[in-house]
């Protein structure tokens, strides 16, 4: 049996980083860094950022964009409005 440590990066445009290629967005960079640091750890970082979202809008998509993955860790970042 194989275990994957799942991290969901949940937030607004700062998390989504739409202007960058997916591999250059910070969730992708985090996954690569974790893989390099702990090659035996299977790790998946899911980018659940959505530009323009406030924390209230984020709450409305929590089930769909975070909880369905059953994450081991969730990183949350929304700007204050």
N, C-alpha and C. Protein backbone atom coordinates (compact mmCIF):
# COMPACT_ATOMS: atom_id res chain seq x y z
N UNK A 1 0.84 -1.18 0.00
CA UNK A 1 0.00 0.00 0.00
C UNK A 1 0.88 1.24 0.00
N UNK A 2 0.48 2.21 -0.77
CA UNK A 2 1.24 3.44 -0.91
C UNK A 2 0.46 4.59 -0.29
N UNK A 3 1.15 5.45 0.43
CA UNK A 3 0.53 6.59 1.09
C UNK A 3 0.98 7.87 0.40
N UNK A 4 0.04 8.72 0.07
CA UNK A 4 0.35 10.03 -0.49
C UNK A 4 -0.06 11.08 0.52
N UNK A 5 0.87 11.96 0.88
CA UNK A 5 0.59 13.08 1.76
C UNK A 5 0.01 14.19 0.89
N UNK A 6 -1.24 14.54 1.15
CA UNK A 6 -1.95 15.51 0.31
C UNK A 6 -2.04 16.87 0.99
N UNK A 7 -1.59 17.88 0.27
CA UNK A 7 -1.66 19.26 0.73
C UNK A 7 -2.55 20.03 -0.25
N UNK A 8 -3.50 20.78 0.29
CA UNK A 8 -4.31 21.66 -0.55
C UNK A 8 -3.93 23.10 -0.24
N UNK A 9 -3.53 23.83 -1.27
CA UNK A 9 -3.25 25.26 -1.17
C UNK A 9 -4.56 25.97 -1.54
N UNK A 10 -5.20 26.58 -0.56
CA UNK A 10 -6.54 27.13 -0.71
C UNK A 10 -6.49 28.64 -0.51
N UNK A 11 -6.94 29.40 -1.50
CA UNK A 11 -6.89 30.84 -1.35
C UNK A 11 -7.40 31.59 -2.55
N UNK A 12 -6.87 32.79 -2.70
CA UNK A 12 -7.31 33.70 -3.76
C UNK A 12 -6.30 33.74 -4.89
N UNK A 13 -6.19 34.88 -5.57
CA UNK A 13 -5.30 34.98 -6.73
C UNK A 13 -3.83 34.80 -6.37
N UNK A 14 -3.45 35.09 -5.15
CA UNK A 14 -2.05 34.89 -4.75
C UNK A 14 -1.71 33.40 -4.71
N UNK A 15 -2.69 32.57 -4.49
CA UNK A 15 -2.50 31.12 -4.51
C UNK A 15 -2.65 30.60 -5.93
N UNK A 16 -3.64 31.08 -6.64
CA UNK A 16 -3.89 30.63 -8.01
C UNK A 16 -2.71 30.95 -8.92
N UNK A 17 -2.15 32.16 -8.81
CA UNK A 17 -0.99 32.60 -9.61
C UNK A 17 -1.23 32.39 -11.11
N UNK A 18 -2.39 32.77 -11.58
CA UNK A 18 -2.81 32.51 -12.96
C UNK A 18 -1.84 33.05 -14.01
N UNK A 19 -1.12 34.12 -13.70
CA UNK A 19 -0.20 34.73 -14.68
C UNK A 19 1.03 33.87 -14.94
N UNK A 20 1.27 32.88 -14.08
CA UNK A 20 2.45 32.02 -14.23
C UNK A 20 2.06 30.66 -14.77
N UNK A 21 3.03 29.99 -15.37
CA UNK A 21 2.83 28.61 -15.79
C UNK A 21 2.59 27.76 -14.54
N UNK A 22 1.77 26.71 -14.63
CA UNK A 22 1.48 25.89 -13.44
C UNK A 22 2.74 25.44 -12.70
N UNK A 23 3.79 25.12 -13.41
CA UNK A 23 5.01 24.65 -12.75
C UNK A 23 5.74 25.76 -11.99
N UNK A 24 5.41 27.02 -12.29
CA UNK A 24 6.07 28.16 -11.63
C UNK A 24 5.24 28.74 -10.49
N UNK A 25 4.03 28.25 -10.32
CA UNK A 25 3.17 28.73 -9.23
C UNK A 25 3.66 28.14 -7.91
N UNK A 26 3.47 28.88 -6.81
CA UNK A 26 4.08 28.43 -5.56
C UNK A 26 3.61 27.05 -5.10
N UNK A 27 2.37 26.61 -5.32
CA UNK A 27 2.04 25.23 -4.94
C UNK A 27 2.86 24.19 -5.70
N UNK A 28 3.12 24.43 -6.97
CA UNK A 28 3.97 23.52 -7.75
C UNK A 28 5.40 23.54 -7.27
N UNK A 29 5.89 24.73 -6.94
CA UNK A 29 7.25 24.86 -6.41
C UNK A 29 7.37 24.13 -5.07
N UNK A 30 6.35 24.25 -4.24
CA UNK A 30 6.34 23.56 -2.95
C UNK A 30 6.41 22.05 -3.15
N UNK A 31 5.62 21.53 -4.07
CA UNK A 31 5.63 20.09 -4.31
C UNK A 31 7.01 19.63 -4.76
N UNK A 32 7.63 20.36 -5.68
CA UNK A 32 8.97 19.96 -6.14
C UNK A 32 10.00 20.02 -5.01
N UNK A 33 9.91 21.05 -4.19
CA UNK A 33 10.86 21.18 -3.08
C UNK A 33 10.69 20.05 -2.07
N UNK A 34 9.45 19.71 -1.76
CA UNK A 34 9.19 18.60 -0.83
C UNK A 34 9.68 17.28 -1.40
N UNK A 35 9.47 17.08 -2.69
CA UNK A 35 9.91 15.85 -3.34
C UNK A 35 11.44 15.74 -3.31
N UNK A 36 12.10 16.85 -3.54
CA UNK A 36 13.58 16.85 -3.48
C UNK A 36 14.08 16.61 -2.06
N UNK A 37 13.42 17.24 -1.09
CA UNK A 37 13.86 17.13 0.30
C UNK A 37 13.56 15.76 0.90
N UNK A 38 12.46 15.17 0.50
CA UNK A 38 12.03 13.87 1.03
C UNK A 38 11.58 12.98 -0.12
N UNK A 39 12.54 12.45 -0.89
CA UNK A 39 12.19 11.68 -2.08
C UNK A 39 11.34 10.44 -1.80
N UNK A 40 11.40 9.91 -0.60
CA UNK A 40 10.61 8.71 -0.28
C UNK A 40 9.16 9.04 0.09
N UNK A 41 8.89 10.31 0.34
CA UNK A 41 7.55 10.76 0.69
C UNK A 41 6.79 11.10 -0.59
N UNK A 42 5.70 10.40 -0.82
CA UNK A 42 4.84 10.75 -1.95
C UNK A 42 3.98 11.92 -1.50
N UNK A 43 4.12 13.03 -2.18
CA UNK A 43 3.42 14.25 -1.79
C UNK A 43 2.72 14.85 -3.00
N UNK A 44 1.50 15.28 -2.81
CA UNK A 44 0.74 15.95 -3.86
C UNK A 44 0.25 17.28 -3.30
N UNK A 45 0.58 18.37 -4.01
CA UNK A 45 0.10 19.69 -3.62
C UNK A 45 -0.94 20.11 -4.66
N UNK A 46 -2.15 20.34 -4.21
CA UNK A 46 -3.25 20.72 -5.08
C UNK A 46 -3.47 22.22 -4.97
N UNK A 47 -3.47 22.89 -6.11
CA UNK A 47 -3.69 24.33 -6.13
C UNK A 47 -5.19 24.59 -6.22
N UNK A 48 -5.77 25.07 -5.12
CA UNK A 48 -7.19 25.40 -5.06
C UNK A 48 -7.37 26.90 -4.89
N UNK A 49 -6.55 27.66 -5.59
CA UNK A 49 -6.68 29.11 -5.56
C UNK A 49 -7.68 29.57 -6.60
N UNK A 50 -8.40 30.64 -6.30
CA UNK A 50 -9.36 31.23 -7.25
C UNK A 50 -9.26 32.74 -7.15
N UNK A 51 -8.79 33.35 -8.23
CA UNK A 51 -8.62 34.79 -8.25
C UNK A 51 -9.90 35.54 -7.93
N UNK A 52 -9.75 36.62 -7.16
CA UNK A 52 -10.87 37.47 -6.83
C UNK A 52 -11.71 36.99 -5.66
N UNK A 53 -11.40 35.83 -5.11
CA UNK A 53 -12.19 35.29 -4.01
C UNK A 53 -11.86 35.99 -2.70
N UNK A 54 -12.88 36.20 -1.92
CA UNK A 54 -12.71 36.62 -0.54
C UNK A 54 -12.82 35.34 0.31
N UNK A 55 -12.58 35.46 1.59
CA UNK A 55 -12.72 34.29 2.45
C UNK A 55 -14.16 33.79 2.46
N UNK A 56 -15.13 34.69 2.32
CA UNK A 56 -16.54 34.28 2.27
C UNK A 56 -16.79 33.42 1.02
N UNK A 57 -16.25 33.81 -0.11
CA UNK A 57 -16.40 33.02 -1.34
C UNK A 57 -15.63 31.71 -1.22
N UNK A 58 -14.49 31.77 -0.58
CA UNK A 58 -13.73 30.55 -0.35
C UNK A 58 -14.51 29.56 0.48
N UNK A 59 -15.19 30.05 1.50
CA UNK A 59 -16.00 29.18 2.35
C UNK A 59 -17.07 28.46 1.52
N UNK A 60 -17.61 29.13 0.53
CA UNK A 60 -18.66 28.52 -0.29
C UNK A 60 -18.12 27.40 -1.18
N UNK A 61 -16.81 27.36 -1.40
CA UNK A 61 -16.25 26.29 -2.23
C UNK A 61 -15.35 25.34 -1.44
N UNK A 62 -15.42 25.42 -0.13
CA UNK A 62 -14.59 24.58 0.74
C UNK A 62 -14.80 23.09 0.48
N UNK A 63 -16.03 22.66 0.43
CA UNK A 63 -16.33 21.23 0.22
C UNK A 63 -15.79 20.77 -1.13
N UNK A 64 -16.10 21.50 -2.18
CA UNK A 64 -15.72 21.11 -3.54
C UNK A 64 -14.21 21.17 -3.78
N UNK A 65 -13.56 22.23 -3.27
CA UNK A 65 -12.16 22.45 -3.62
C UNK A 65 -11.15 21.98 -2.59
N UNK A 66 -11.60 21.63 -1.39
CA UNK A 66 -10.66 21.20 -0.35
C UNK A 66 -11.06 19.85 0.24
N UNK A 67 -12.22 19.80 0.88
CA UNK A 67 -12.59 18.63 1.67
C UNK A 67 -12.70 17.35 0.85
N UNK A 68 -13.07 17.44 -0.41
CA UNK A 68 -13.21 16.22 -1.22
C UNK A 68 -11.89 15.49 -1.41
N UNK A 69 -10.77 16.19 -1.24
CA UNK A 69 -9.45 15.57 -1.37
C UNK A 69 -8.98 14.89 -0.08
N UNK A 70 -9.72 15.10 1.02
CA UNK A 70 -9.32 14.58 2.33
C UNK A 70 -7.85 14.91 2.62
N UNK A 71 -7.51 16.20 2.60
CA UNK A 71 -6.11 16.58 2.74
C UNK A 71 -5.53 16.26 4.11
N UNK A 72 -4.23 16.00 4.10
CA UNK A 72 -3.49 15.85 5.35
C UNK A 72 -3.13 17.21 5.92
N UNK A 73 -3.03 18.19 5.03
CA UNK A 73 -2.67 19.56 5.42
C UNK A 73 -3.33 20.51 4.44
N UNK A 74 -3.88 21.61 4.95
CA UNK A 74 -4.44 22.65 4.10
C UNK A 74 -3.78 23.97 4.45
N UNK A 75 -3.26 24.63 3.43
CA UNK A 75 -2.67 25.95 3.59
C UNK A 75 -3.69 26.96 3.08
N UNK A 76 -4.05 27.93 3.92
CA UNK A 76 -5.11 28.90 3.58
C UNK A 76 -4.52 30.29 3.51
N UNK A 77 -4.85 31.00 2.42
CA UNK A 77 -4.35 32.37 2.27
C UNK A 77 -5.36 33.18 1.49
N UNK A 78 -6.01 34.13 2.17
CA UNK A 78 -6.91 35.08 1.53
C UNK A 78 -6.49 36.48 2.00
N UNK A 79 -6.56 37.44 1.10
CA UNK A 79 -6.27 38.83 1.50
C UNK A 79 -7.44 39.36 2.31
N UNK A 80 -7.11 40.25 3.20
CA UNK A 80 -8.17 40.93 3.95
C UNK A 80 -8.85 41.92 3.03
N UNK A 81 -10.14 42.05 3.16
CA UNK A 81 -10.91 42.98 2.33
C UNK A 81 -11.21 44.23 3.10
